[in-house]
PDB file of N, CA and C in Angstrom:
ATOM      1  N   MET A   1     132.288 114.842  17.640  1.00  0.00           N
ATOM      2  CA  MET A   1     130.676 114.079  18.309  1.00  0.00           C
ATOM      3  C   MET A   1     129.329 115.608  18.447  1.00  0.00           C
ATOM      4  N   ILE A   2     128.299 115.015  18.450  1.00  0.00           N
ATOM      5  CA  ILE A   2     127.437 116.354  18.966  1.00  0.00           C
ATOM      6  C   ILE A   2     127.105 115.718  19.912  1.00  0.00           C
ATOM      7  N   GLU A   3     126.622 116.431  21.593  1.00  0.00           N
ATOM      8  CA  GLU A   3     127.169 115.883  22.719  1.00  0.00           C
ATOM      9  C   GLU A   3     125.375 116.519  22.570  1.00  0.00           C
ATOM     10  N   GLY A   4     124.339 116.080  23.174  1.00  0.00           N
ATOM     11  CA  GLY A   4     122.904 116.253  23.816  1.00  0.00           C
ATOM     12  C   GLY A   4     121.992 115.757  25.043  1.00  0.00           C
ATOM     13  N   LYS A   5     120.915 116.241  25.486  1.00  0.00           N
ATOM     14  CA  LYS A   5     120.022 115.611  25.912  1.00  0.00           C
ATOM     15  C   LYS A   5     118.246 116.379  25.298  1.00  0.00           C
ATOM     16  N   THR A   6     117.968 114.649  25.905  1.00  0.00           N
ATOM     17  CA  THR A   6     116.021 115.328  25.912  1.00  0.00           C
ATOM     18  C   THR A   6     115.741 116.164  27.054  1.00  0.00           C
ATOM     19  N   LYS A   7     114.246 116.408  25.864  1.00  0.00           N
ATOM     20  CA  LYS A   7     113.927 117.778  27.973  1.00  0.00           C
ATOM     21  C   LYS A   7     113.351 116.202  28.654  1.00  0.00           C
ATOM     22  N   ASP A   8     113.169 115.177  28.466  1.00  0.00           N
ATOM     23  CA  ASP A   8     113.336 114.864  29.605  1.00  0.00           C
ATOM     24  C   ASP A   8     114.265 113.573  30.678  1.00  0.00           C
ATOM     25  N   GLY A   9     115.636 114.407  29.465  1.00  0.00           N
ATOM     26  CA  GLY A   9     116.818 113.429  30.440  1.00  0.00           C
ATOM     27  C   GLY A   9     117.409 113.012  29.329  1.00  0.00           C
ATOM     28  N   PHE A  10     117.293 112.350  28.529  1.00  0.00           N
ATOM     29  CA  PHE A  10     118.176 111.725  28.349  1.00  0.00           C
ATOM     30  C   PHE A  10     119.795 112.029  27.542  1.00  0.00           C
ATOM     31  N   GLU A  11     120.957 111.678  28.063  1.00  0.00           N
ATOM     32  CA  GLU A  11     122.157 112.134  27.118  1.00  0.00           C
ATOM     33  C   GLU A  11     122.333 111.191  25.871  1.00  0.00           C
ATOM     34  N   PHE A  12     122.900 111.775  24.522  1.00  0.00           N
ATOM     35  CA  PHE A  12     123.589 111.705  24.068  1.00  0.00           C
ATOM     36  C   PHE A  12     125.027 112.216  23.486  1.00  0.00           C
ATOM     37  N   LYS A  13     125.218 110.893  22.271  1.00  0.00           N
ATOM     38  CA  LYS A  13     126.440 111.605  21.873  1.00  0.00           C
ATOM     39  C   LYS A  13     126.193 111.220  20.399  1.00  0.00           C
ATOM     40  N   ILE A  14     126.525 111.897  19.284  1.00  0.00           N
ATOM     41  CA  ILE A  14     126.647 110.535  18.108  1.00  0.00           C
ATOM     42  C   ILE A  14     127.649 111.551  17.240  1.00  0.00           C
ATOM     43  N   ASP A  15     127.677 110.741  16.526  1.00  0.00           N
ATOM     44  CA  ASP A  15     129.212 111.681  15.104  1.00  0.00           C
ATOM     45  C   ASP A  15     128.093 112.564  14.088  1.00  0.00           C
ATOM     46  N   GLU A  16     129.366 113.690  13.975  1.00  0.00           N
ATOM     47  CA  GLU A  16     128.438 114.153  13.423  1.00  0.00           C
ATOM     48  C   GLU A  16     127.382 114.217  12.042  1.00  0.00           C
ATOM     49  N   ARG A  17     128.815 112.341  11.296  1.00  0.00           N
ATOM     50  CA  ARG A  17     128.699 112.484  10.233  1.00  0.00           C
ATOM     51  C   ARG A  17     127.172 111.279  10.216  1.00  0.00           C
ATOM     52  N   ILE A  18     127.109 110.624  11.009  1.00  0.00           N
ATOM     53  CA  ILE A  18     125.637 110.090  11.274  1.00  0.00           C
ATOM     54  C   ILE A  18     124.560 111.317  10.135  1.00  0.00           C
ATOM     55  N   LEU A  19     124.546 112.546  10.134  1.00  0.00           N
ATOM     56  CA  LEU A  19     123.405 113.480  10.034  1.00  0.00           C
ATOM     57  C   LEU A  19     124.114 113.865   8.605  1.00  0.00           C
ATOM     58  N   ASP A  20     125.054 112.681   7.839  1.00  0.00           N
ATOM     59  CA  ASP A  20     125.414 113.367   6.493  1.00  0.00           C
ATOM     60  C   ASP A  20     124.825 112.398   5.824  1.00  0.00           C
ATOM     61  N   ASP A  21     125.087 111.360   6.227  1.00  0.00           N
ATOM     62  CA  ASP A  21     125.068 109.638   6.101  1.00  0.00           C
ATOM     63  C   ASP A  21     123.750 109.206   4.933  1.00  0.00           C
ATOM     64  N   TRP A  22     124.050 108.889   3.960  1.00  0.00           N
ATOM     65  CA  TRP A  22     122.995 108.774   2.461  1.00  0.00           C
ATOM     66  C   TRP A  22     121.891 107.214   3.507  1.00  0.00           C
ATOM     67  N   ARG A  23     122.843 106.711   4.085  1.00  0.00           N
ATOM     68  CA  ARG A  23     122.214 105.303   5.449  1.00  0.00           C
ATOM     69  C   ARG A  23     121.140 106.140   6.328  1.00  0.00           C
ATOM     70  N   LEU A  24     121.151 107.190   6.851  1.00  0.00           N
ATOM     71  CA  LEU A  24     120.182 108.192   7.439  1.00  0.00           C
ATOM     72  C   LEU A  24     119.084 108.569   6.637  1.00  0.00           C
ATOM     73  N   VAL A  25     119.769 108.930   5.187  1.00  0.00           N
ATOM     74  CA  VAL A  25     117.867 109.697   4.129  1.00  0.00           C
ATOM     75  C   VAL A  25     117.401 108.178   4.499  1.00  0.00           C
ATOM     76  N   GLU A  26     117.897 106.772   3.540  1.00  0.00           N
ATOM     77  CA  GLU A  26     117.562 105.956   3.168  1.00  0.00           C
ATOM     78  C   GLU A  26     116.872 105.506   4.723  1.00  0.00           C
ATOM     79  N   THR A  27     117.233 105.566   5.790  1.00  0.00           N
ATOM     80  CA  THR A  27     115.572 104.665   6.853  1.00  0.00           C
ATOM     81  C   THR A  27     115.088 106.138   6.825  1.00  0.00           C
ATOM     82  N   ILE A  28     114.724 106.987   7.087  1.00  0.00           N
ATOM     83  CA  ILE A  28     113.712 107.993   7.251  1.00  0.00           C
ATOM     84  C   ILE A  28     113.328 107.848   6.176  1.00  0.00           C
ATOM     85  N   ALA A  29     113.399 107.774   5.380  1.00  0.00           N
ATOM     86  CA  ALA A  29     112.688 107.422   4.096  1.00  0.00           C
ATOM     87  C   ALA A  29     111.751 106.502   3.715  1.00  0.00           C
ATOM     88  N   LEU A  30     112.034 105.810   4.863  1.00  0.00           N
ATOM     89  CA  LEU A  30     111.246 104.180   4.781  1.00  0.00           C
ATOM     90  C   LEU A  30     110.162 104.894   5.992  1.00  0.00           C
ATOM     91  N   ALA A  31     111.137 105.265   6.933  1.00  0.00           N
ATOM     92  CA  ALA A  31     110.109 105.625   8.027  1.00  0.00           C
ATOM     93  C   ALA A  31     109.573 106.504   7.141  1.00  0.00           C
ATOM     94  N   GLU A  32     108.881 107.338   6.399  1.00  0.00           N
ATOM     95  CA  GLU A  32     107.186 108.505   6.453  1.00  0.00           C
ATOM     96  C   GLU A  32     107.079 107.322   4.978  1.00  0.00           C
ATOM     97  N   SER A  33     107.359 105.911   4.396  1.00  0.00           N
ATOM     98  CA  SER A  33     106.409 105.297   3.708  1.00  0.00           C
ATOM     99  C   SER A  33     105.143 105.047   4.394  1.00  0.00           C
ATOM    100  N   ASP A  34     104.704 105.193   3.255  1.00  0.00           N
ATOM    101  CA  ASP A  34     103.277 104.907   3.963  1.00  0.00           C
ATOM    102  C   ASP A  34     102.502 103.575   3.785  1.00  0.00           C
ATOM    103  N   ASP A  35     103.087 103.008   4.139  1.00  0.00           N
ATOM    104  CA  ASP A  35     102.718 101.358   4.606  1.00  0.00           C
ATOM    105  C   ASP A  35     103.412 100.786   5.675  1.00  0.00           C
ATOM    106  N   ALA A  36     102.613 100.631   6.661  1.00  0.00           N
ATOM    107  CA  ALA A  36     102.510 100.939   8.173  1.00  0.00           C
ATOM    108  C   ALA A  36     103.480 100.292   8.319  1.00  0.00           C
ATOM    109  N   SER A  37     104.391  98.685   8.139  1.00  0.00           N
ATOM    110  CA  SER A  37     105.325  98.025   8.476  1.00  0.00           C
ATOM    111  C   SER A  37     106.646  97.912   8.617  1.00  0.00           C
ATOM    112  N   GLU A  38     106.634  98.808   7.337  1.00  0.00           N
ATOM    113  CA  GLU A  38     107.810 100.477   6.674  1.00  0.00           C
ATOM    114  C   GLU A  38     107.796 100.824   7.690  1.00  0.00           C
ATOM    115  N   GLN A  39     106.973 102.030   7.864  1.00  0.00           N
ATOM    116  CA  GLN A  39     107.058 102.984   8.881  1.00  0.00           C
ATOM    117  C   GLN A  39     108.114 102.001   9.933  1.00  0.00           C
ATOM    118  N   ILE A  40     107.509 101.289  10.825  1.00  0.00           N
ATOM    119  CA  ILE A  40     107.845 100.929  11.902  1.00  0.00           C
ATOM    120  C   ILE A  40     109.669 100.069  12.022  1.00  0.00           C
ATOM    121  N   ALA A  41     109.652  99.940  11.056  1.00  0.00           N
ATOM    122  CA  ALA A  41     110.929  99.296  10.567  1.00  0.00           C
ATOM    123  C   ALA A  41     111.879 100.122   9.549  1.00  0.00           C
ATOM    124  N   GLY A  42     111.336 101.273   9.527  1.00  0.00           N
ATOM    125  CA  GLY A  42     112.286 102.089   9.383  1.00  0.00           C
ATOM    126  C   GLY A  42     112.317 104.002  10.439  1.00  0.00           C
ATOM    127  N   LEU A  43     111.697 103.437  11.465  1.00  0.00           N
ATOM    128  CA  LEU A  43     111.565 103.630  12.892  1.00  0.00           C
ATOM    129  C   LEU A  43     113.394 103.388  13.393  1.00  0.00           C
ATOM    130  N   MET A  44     112.249 101.928  13.363  1.00  0.00           N
ATOM    131  CA  MET A  44     113.435 101.225  13.922  1.00  0.00           C
ATOM    132  C   MET A  44     115.165 101.426  13.631  1.00  0.00           C
ATOM    133  N   ASP A  45     115.342 100.571  12.541  1.00  0.00           N
ATOM    134  CA  ASP A  45     116.276 101.654  11.855  1.00  0.00           C
ATOM    135  C   ASP A  45     117.231 102.858  11.669  1.00  0.00           C
ATOM    136  N   THR A  46     116.250 103.842  11.919  1.00  0.00           N
ATOM    137  CA  THR A  46     116.928 105.062  12.255  1.00  0.00           C
ATOM    138  C   THR A  46     116.970 105.706  13.189  1.00  0.00           C
ATOM    139  N   ALA A  47     116.610 104.294  14.227  1.00  0.00           N
ATOM    140  CA  ALA A  47     117.250 103.975  15.838  1.00  0.00           C
ATOM    141  C   ALA A  47     118.440 103.593  15.684  1.00  0.00           C
ATOM    142  N   LYS A  48     118.137 102.596  15.198  1.00  0.00           N
ATOM    143  CA  LYS A  48     119.533 102.414  15.352  1.00  0.00           C
ATOM    144  C   LYS A  48     120.993 102.764  14.846  1.00  0.00           C
ATOM    145  N   PHE A  49     120.383 103.240  13.843  1.00  0.00           N
ATOM    146  CA  PHE A  49     121.968 103.825  13.050  1.00  0.00           C
ATOM    147  C   PHE A  49     122.086 105.503  13.530  1.00  0.00           C
ATOM    148  N   VAL A  50     121.116 106.181  14.433  1.00  0.00           N
ATOM    149  CA  VAL A  50     121.495 106.915  14.984  1.00  0.00           C
ATOM    150  C   VAL A  50     122.132 106.980  16.587  1.00  0.00           C
ATOM    151  N   LEU A  51     121.572 105.722  17.045  1.00  0.00           N
ATOM    152  CA  LEU A  51     122.401 105.631  18.455  1.00  0.00           C
ATOM    153  C   LEU A  51     123.398 104.634  19.085  1.00  0.00           C
ATOM    154  N   GLY A  52     123.262 104.600  18.131  1.00  0.00           N
ATOM    155  CA  GLY A  52     124.536 103.229  17.837  1.00  0.00           C
ATOM    156  C   GLY A  52     123.641 101.967  19.269  1.00  0.00           C
ATOM    157  N   ASP A  53     125.021 101.768  19.849  1.00  0.00           N
ATOM    158  CA  ASP A  53     124.884 100.756  21.208  1.00  0.00           C
ATOM    159  C   ASP A  53     124.214 101.812  22.609  1.00  0.00           C
ATOM    160  N   ARG A  54     123.885 102.500  21.577  1.00  0.00           N
ATOM    161  CA  ARG A  54     122.433 103.962  23.129  1.00  0.00           C
ATOM    162  C   ARG A  54     121.660 103.779  23.151  1.00  0.00           C
ATOM    163  N   TYR A  55     121.372 102.621  21.264  1.00  0.00           N
ATOM    164  CA  TYR A  55     119.496 102.483  21.084  1.00  0.00           C
ATOM    165  C   TYR A  55     118.520 101.841  22.146  1.00  0.00           C
ATOM    166  N   GLU A  56     119.599 100.384  23.049  1.00  0.00           N
ATOM    167  CA  GLU A  56     118.789  99.976  24.196  1.00  0.00           C
ATOM    168  C   GLU A  56     118.684 100.220  24.687  1.00  0.00           C
ATOM    169  N   ASP A  57     119.358 101.885  25.400  1.00  0.00           N
ATOM    170  CA  ASP A  57     119.708 102.788  26.808  1.00  0.00           C
ATOM    171  C   ASP A  57     118.117 103.942  26.146  1.00  0.00           C
ATOM    172  N   LEU A  58     118.290 104.167  24.739  1.00  0.00           N
ATOM    173  CA  LEU A  58     117.013 104.746  25.113  1.00  0.00           C
ATOM    174  C   LEU A  58     116.062 104.373  25.813  1.00  0.00           C
ATOM    175  N   LYS A  59     115.768 102.523  25.284  1.00  0.00           N
ATOM    176  CA  LYS A  59     114.763 101.465  24.897  1.00  0.00           C
ATOM    177  C   LYS A  59     114.419 102.280  26.923  1.00  0.00           C
ATOM    178  N   LYS A  60     115.374 101.783  27.535  1.00  0.00           N
ATOM    179  CA  LYS A  60     115.603 102.000  28.497  1.00  0.00           C
ATOM    180  C   LYS A  60     115.290 102.876  30.001  1.00  0.00           C
ATOM    181  N   HIS A  61     115.037 104.255  28.918  1.00  0.00           N
ATOM    182  CA  HIS A  61     115.361 104.917  29.786  1.00  0.00           C
ATOM    183  C   HIS A  61     114.329 105.952  29.110  1.00  0.00           C
ATOM    184  N   ILE A  62     112.958 105.591  28.505  1.00  0.00           N
ATOM    185  CA  ILE A  62     111.862 105.384  28.216  1.00  0.00           C
ATOM    186  C   ILE A  62     110.685 104.451  28.935  1.00  0.00           C
ATOM    187  N   ALA A  63     111.204 103.431  29.002  1.00  0.00           N
ATOM    188  CA  ALA A  63     110.412 102.202  29.937  1.00  0.00           C
ATOM    189  C   ALA A  63     110.365 102.730  32.172  1.00  0.00           C
ATOM    190  N   GLU A  64     111.769 103.255  31.977  1.00  0.00           N
ATOM    191  CA  GLU A  64     111.753 103.954  33.775  1.00  0.00           C
ATOM    192  C   GLU A  64     110.672 104.618  34.267  1.00  0.00           C
ATOM    193  N   LYS A  65     110.308 105.651  32.623  1.00  0.00           N
ATOM    194  CA  LYS A  65     109.204 107.362  32.417  1.00  0.00           C
ATOM    195  C   LYS A  65     108.081 106.637  32.359  1.00  0.00           C
ATOM    196  N   ASN A  66     107.892 105.232  32.142  1.00  0.00           N
ATOM    197  CA  ASN A  66     106.324 105.019  31.764  1.00  0.00           C
ATOM    198  C   ASN A  66     105.817 103.739  32.229  1.00  0.00           C
ATOM    199  N   ASP A  67     106.153 104.067  33.221  1.00  0.00           N
ATOM    200  CA  ASP A  67     105.898 102.006  34.101  1.00  0.00           C
ATOM    201  C   ASP A  67     106.097 100.914  33.396  1.00  0.00           C
ATOM    202  N   GLY A  68     107.544 100.777  32.904  1.00  0.00           N
ATOM    203  CA  GLY A  68     108.249  99.579  32.292  1.00  0.00           C
ATOM    204  C   GLY A  68     107.026  99.631  30.805  1.00  0.00           C
ATOM    205  N   PHE A  69     106.660 100.477  30.790  1.00  0.00           N
ATOM    206  CA  PHE A  69     106.247 100.391  29.196  1.00  0.00           C
ATOM    207  C   PHE A  69     107.539 101.504  28.210  1.00  0.00           C
ATOM    208  N   ILE A  70     107.371 101.097  27.303  1.00  0.00           N
ATOM    209  CA  ILE A  70     107.864 102.138  25.667  1.00  0.00           C
ATOM    210  C   ILE A  70     106.633 102.470  24.612  1.00  0.00           C
ATOM    211  N   PRO A  71     105.696 103.698  25.222  1.00  0.00           N
ATOM    212  CA  PRO A  71     105.727 103.512  23.605  1.00  0.00           C
ATOM    213  C   PRO A  71     105.691 104.748  23.081  1.00  0.00           C
ATOM    214  N   ARG A  72     104.968 103.442  21.620  1.00  0.00           N
ATOM    215  CA  ARG A  72     105.267 104.201  20.069  1.00  0.00           C
ATOM    216  C   ARG A  72     106.283 105.469  20.447  1.00  0.00           C
ATOM    217  N   THR A  73     104.887 106.538  20.375  1.00  0.00           N
ATOM    218  CA  THR A  73     104.900 107.609  20.474  1.00  0.00           C
ATOM    219  C   THR A  73     106.317 108.770  21.460  1.00  0.00           C
ATOM    220  N   ALA A  74     106.190 108.397  22.221  1.00  0.00           N
ATOM    221  CA  ALA A  74     107.868 108.132  23.584  1.00  0.00           C
ATOM    222  C   ALA A  74     108.966 108.651  22.272  1.00  0.00           C
ATOM    223  N   MET A  75     109.285 107.239  22.504  1.00  0.00           N
ATOM    224  CA  MET A  75     110.430 106.073  21.593  1.00  0.00           C
ATOM    225  C   MET A  75     110.248 107.279  20.102  1.00  0.00           C
ATOM    226  N   THR A  76     108.785 107.213  19.619  1.00  0.00           N
ATOM    227  CA  THR A  76     109.183 108.194  17.754  1.00  0.00           C
ATOM    228  C   THR A  76     109.946 109.461  18.100  1.00  0.00           C
ATOM    229  N   ASN A  77     109.010 110.225  19.271  1.00  0.00           N
ATOM    230  CA  ASN A  77     108.972 111.630  20.058  1.00  0.00           C
ATOM    231  C   ASN A  77     110.514 111.612  20.332  1.00  0.00           C
ATOM    232  N   ALA A  78     111.441 110.642  20.919  1.00  0.00           N
ATOM    233  CA  ALA A  78     113.082 110.976  21.536  1.00  0.00           C
ATOM    234  C   ALA A  78     114.088 111.170  20.476  1.00  0.00           C
ATOM    235  N   LEU A  79     113.202 110.352  19.317  1.00  0.00           N
ATOM    236  CA  LEU A  79     114.181 109.801  17.911  1.00  0.00           C
ATOM    237  C   LEU A  79     113.858 111.282  17.121  1.00  0.00           C
ATOM    238  N   ILE A  80     112.596 111.965  17.045  1.00  0.00           N
ATOM    239  CA  ILE A  80     112.529 112.978  16.413  1.00  0.00           C
ATOM    240  C   ILE A  80     113.821 114.456  17.582  1.00  0.00           C
ATOM    241  N   GLU A  81     113.206 114.322  18.444  1.00  0.00           N
ATOM    242  CA  GLU A  81     114.479 115.291  19.214  1.00  0.00           C
ATOM    243  C   GLU A  81     115.685 115.102  19.384  1.00  0.00           C
ATOM    244  N   ILE A  82     115.639 113.446  19.258  1.00  0.00           N
ATOM    245  CA  ILE A  82     117.430 113.979  19.052  1.00  0.00           C
ATOM    246  C   ILE A  82     117.320 114.391  17.784  1.00  0.00           C
ATOM    247  N   VAL A  83     117.418 113.725  16.333  1.00  0.00           N
ATOM    248  CA  VAL A  83     118.094 114.594  14.809  1.00  0.00           C
ATOM    249  C   VAL A  83     118.094 115.302  15.290  1.00  0.00           C
ATOM    250  N   ASN A  84     116.515 116.184  15.321  1.00  0.00           N
ATOM    251  CA  ASN A  84     116.371 117.672  15.355  1.00  0.00           C
ATOM    252  C   ASN A  84     117.140 118.268  16.085  1.00  0.00           C
ATOM    253  N   THR A  85     117.756 118.201  17.831  1.00  0.00           N
ATOM    254  CA  THR A  85     118.440 118.235  17.997  1.00  0.00           C
ATOM    255  C   THR A  85     120.188 118.859  17.144  1.00  0.00           C
ATOM    256  N   ALA A  86     120.808 117.465  17.425  1.00  0.00           N
ATOM    257  CA  ALA A  86     122.100 116.993  16.861  1.00  0.00           C
ATOM    258  C   ALA A  86     121.698 118.214  15.896  1.00  0.00           C
ATOM    259  N   ARG A  87     121.388 117.859  15.007  1.00  0.00           N
ATOM    260  CA  ARG A  87     121.502 118.791  13.543  1.00  0.00           C
ATOM    261  C   ARG A  87     121.418 120.343  13.332  1.00  0.00           C
ATOM    262  N   SER A  88     120.989 121.375  14.437  1.00  0.00           N
ATOM    263  CA  SER A  88     120.257 122.076  15.096  1.00  0.00           C
ATOM    264  C   SER A  88     121.982 122.879  16.137  1.00  0.00           C
ATOM    265  N   LEU A  89     122.450 121.805  16.808  1.00  0.00           N
ATOM    266  CA  LEU A  89     123.953 122.001  17.334  1.00  0.00           C
ATOM    267  C   LEU A  89     124.754 121.418  16.405  1.00  0.00           C
ATOM    268  N   LYS A  90     124.625 120.493  14.859  1.00  0.00           N
ATOM    269  CA  LYS A  90     126.380 121.146  14.184  1.00  0.00           C
ATOM    270  C   LYS A  90     126.032 122.381  13.354  1.00  0.00           C
ATOM    271  N   ASN A  91     124.332 122.497  13.351  1.00  0.00           N
ATOM    272  CA  ASN A  91     124.690 124.223  12.442  1.00  0.00           C
ATOM    273  C   ASN A  91     125.091 124.924  13.233  1.00  0.00           C
ATOM    274  N   SER A  92     124.521 125.202  14.811  1.00  0.00           N
ATOM    275  CA  SER A  92     125.114 126.368  15.392  1.00  0.00           C
ATOM    276  C   SER A  92     126.368 126.494  15.216  1.00  0.00           C
ATOM    277  N   SER A  93     127.619 124.906  15.528  1.00  0.00           N
ATOM    278  CA  SER A  93     128.145 124.615  15.986  1.00  0.00           C
ATOM    279  C   SER A  93     129.798 125.097  14.020  1.00  0.00           C
ATOM    280  N   SER A  94     128.638 124.963  13.385  1.00  0.00           N
ATOM    281  CA  SER A  94     129.578 125.235  11.547  1.00  0.00           C
ATOM    282  C   SER A  94     129.816 126.801  12.021  1.00  0.00           C
ATOM    283  N   SER A  95     128.569 127.289  12.141  1.00  0.00           N
ATOM    284  CA  SER A  95     128.155 128.921  12.082  1.00  0.00           C
ATOM    285  C   SER A  95     129.335 129.685  12.851  1.00  0.00           C
ATOM    286  N   GLU A  96     129.697 128.633  13.511  1.00  0.00           N
ATOM    287  CA  GLU A  96     131.006 129.597  14.957  1.00  0.00           C
ATOM    288  C   GLU A  96     132.412 129.840  14.147  1.00  0.00           C
ATOM    289  N   GLY A  97     132.227 128.869  13.106  1.00  0.00           N
ATOM    290  CA  GLY A  97     133.888 128.176  12.844  1.00  0.00           C
ATOM    291  C   GLY A  97     134.137 129.480  11.868  1.00  0.00           C
TER     292      GLY A  97
END
């Protein structure tokens, strides 16, 4: 498991195998589509796949910091930060071994 915390304090725990799972590639590819609807679906699918049960916790965390609202950019930035942090932690732990 990879454990980390975003800059604004959201703690996460991710099974490191998710980072090498084809489904993550699929959801990210959808999020990078030219079609706005596919982008949104891809971001939501990526968040749900990466965070699992913690998806709702992240939404609540962001809403608490934004007067009850969940800005799209805040959710997107948090997801990118979580994936990048998890990748970085995975790479640093695999280079130590």
